[in-house]
Amino acid sequence: MRKLLLCIVSLLFANALFSQSSSFSGLVTDANTKFPLEGATLILMPANQTTVSNDQGRFYFKTTTAGQQELRVTAIGYEAQTVKLPALKQQPAAIALIPKNIELSEVTVSGNPADQFRPVSTLDIKMRGINNSQEVLRMVPGLFIGQHAGGGKAEQLFLRGFDLDHGTDINIMADGMPVNMVSHAHGQGYADLHFLIPELIENVAFRKGAYYPEKGNFATSGYVDFRTLNVLPDNLAKLEGGMFNTFRGLGMVNLLGERAKQKQQSAFIATEYMYTGGYFDHPQNFNRFNLFGKYHGKLNESNILTFTAATFYSKWNASGQIPDRAVESGLIGWFGAIDPNEGGITSRTNVNAALTTSFSNGDVLKNQLYFSRYNFELYSNFTFFKEDPVNGDQIRQREHRNMFGYNGSYTKISFLGNIRLRSEVGTNLRLDRTQGSELSRTKDRTNITDAIQLGDISESNLAAYISEAFQFTERFTMSTGLRYDHFFDQYTDRLRNDTIGKANAGILSPKLNFYYHLNNRTQFYLTTGKGFHSNDTRVVVPQNGLQVLPAAYGTDLGTVWKPVKDLLLNAAVWYLWLDQEFVYVGDEGVVAPSGKSRRTGFDISARFQPVSWLYLDADLNYANGRAVKEPKGQNYLPLAPVITSAGGVTVKTKPGISGSLRYRYMGNRPANEDNTVVAKGYFVTDAFINFTRPRYELGLTAQNLFDVRWKETQFDTESRLQHEAAPVSEIHFTPGTPFFLKISASYLF
């Protein structure tokens, strides 16, 4: 820790020494909303210096030689502008871009090292949109989800050869607030995104791998950061209705008028209610309610304040995973249940405040405070009558949590001769205090038959990081980073006379990345780094702190390439080593270590717009994952995806008709260590069509268009049915959505 602090002090001293006070700066805004525009590409010609506007819309150039110069500004979904520098005498320069229909031909491959995935995510949201809550996570290429508990539980996640459970090896955030729950009642890293209203998502920032010092826990396969709108383009009222007694209502209203918008002040409120009976034989009776409010405003020339408050509540029934033999024998139907009393209740209330301060020399200081109050209660039954032949094996998992946190960072742009430096130092503090974390066997949700676990959890994560990007030329950039995380764990066992156990550990995570920007059509990158995922407090405390923070080591070699003006490709080969795999055994309340693992694979994404009204996208992902120390043939990683693909065709016509036909494919994958049990793959197609006018929109959605029978989640589980003499181990599954039709009507005002 002392060495890390010394590095930080040395870096700040060096920047102060070599920073150039003379620079050309400016601000890029959206001409309609008047708010700052992030991710605009700016090229200073003829020197061909390139930069990208930051999340406050600001950009900075080193002062250049005298002479006639021009600044070209482009952004996805906006008209390009070319401005002569004499027209921008004021400091900072103000440039307002006018929105327009997207044309892939105008997208350039950015030289900014952090932007290799930005064109893909921006194009997808603007072209495809987010049609439902399931589409939220599917915006990340290669990320697959599966629901197996009635719709209210966090989805099962799959990415880069990982069965991520509910978030163990992917870092997920919303507006800078953690979504992953540490030492959760149902699993480490549990990430429930149902508190996020899909229509409020402005962009999805994602990057794969453990190569970025600002991200810590769970960021082994990568991270996803959802950002909500800072300003509503219009007030909105929306109604949806569909099969299986499905209903959804949404309202979003601006609280401030046009005069406030001119001053970059915005406040709005949004609310959502959803109900569905579900397609199972036993109704889900799924209810979800969201209330979201946000203020985003410019306090003065230097400071921007963002304040968000939101609350979420959900209640549902579930049919759980069912065994193949029960369906094949006719005991239950494809959408039946062995235990129809599964389900749950969950709620989350968030308060999030962020202050961004921009200084005249280009430095940016960010301070964020957040708080979350979280409640969770889940009823499941994985083994039916294996452990208790009389009452059954239903379990209850429950917790009440308060989460407090702080994120702070300081970013500086400076120059060392002709080398452009981007320096960032930051710190993160997260405190989780969980009361009544429970695992009990129950009957009919009401009677406790066996108390397995009950305790209070205190987990604290203190982290500091430093990163430095060296742009040696307009083509070549190197970035380095170092992160240190320390965890303090405490568990009070309420079933064992309030026995208190403690553990703590720290981990240092170095990063080193290289980017070569050949031209505005081609970028190559080599990213490397060390990451980690934390382990459950209830596991590490009894082991005296062993394996608190298993490390991950990885590298990506990739390219962003536009071989022709209407085609964008992103491809990478990758490698990932994990010091320790963990398998959560839900009905026993333990996390079982399963040794070291190695994964290799490749990702390919393609975006093609041959004509202005037609957009095609496709992602193909391959992963080969194996346990390292197990003999060949016995070293498969259960449920790890091997081949996945997703894509579609989107049509947008000038009269306001848009439609999309999309597919997702997951190939067969091993369900156990010797691949003698296979989780069968699936190919599912969805369709969307919308008719849009300035003040209203009508939509029709068809999920599983061809009504195929598919298994959304699968597990190789040992269970016993009520009248069986002995347990049986086989595939247990949750059936995927059958053909489902939904209509929607929106009114904008």
Foldseek 3Di string as FASTA:
>chain_A
DVVQVVVVVVVVVVQVVFFDLAKAKAFEAAPQLRAGDFFKWKAKPPVRFIDTQHPRRMDIGHDDDDDWIWIWIGDFQWDIDIGTVVVQPDPNRYHHTYGDFGFLLPAFAGLPPLCLCVVLFQVCCRFVNQDDPLVPVVSDFQKDWFDFFLPQFQTQIFHFQDRCGQQQQEWEEEQPHGQFDALALFDGGHGHPPQDDRVFWDTKRWDAADFDQVDAANQHGIYIYTYGDQADSFWKWKWKAWPQGKIKTKTKDWPDDPVQSNQVKTKIKMKMWIFGLDDAPHGWRKIKIKIKIWIWGDPDPFKIKIKIKMKMKIWTWGQGWFFPVCCVVVVAHQRYHQDRLWIWIKMKIKIKMKMWTADSSGKIKIKMKMKMWMWIKTWHAFFFPAVPLPQTLIKIWIKTKIKIKMKIKMWHWGDRDPKIKIKMKIKMKMKMKIAFGFIFGAHSVPHTPGTQFTKIKIKMKIKIKIKMWIDPDSFKIKMKMKMKIKMKIWIQTPVPVRDIFIAMDMDMKIWIKMKGHPDRFKIKIKIWMKHWHAHNSVACRVVRNPRGTKMKIKMKTWMWGDPDSFKIKIKIKMKMKIQWDWDADSSNGDIDTDGIKIKIWMKMKMWGDPDSFKIKIKIKIAMDMFHDPDDPLQTFDAPRFGIKMKIWMWGADPQAKIKIKIKIKTAKGAQHRNSPAIQHIDIFIKMKMKGDDPFKMKIKIKTRVVFDKHFSDWHQDWHDRNPDPHTDTHIITNIDDGIMMMMMMMGTD
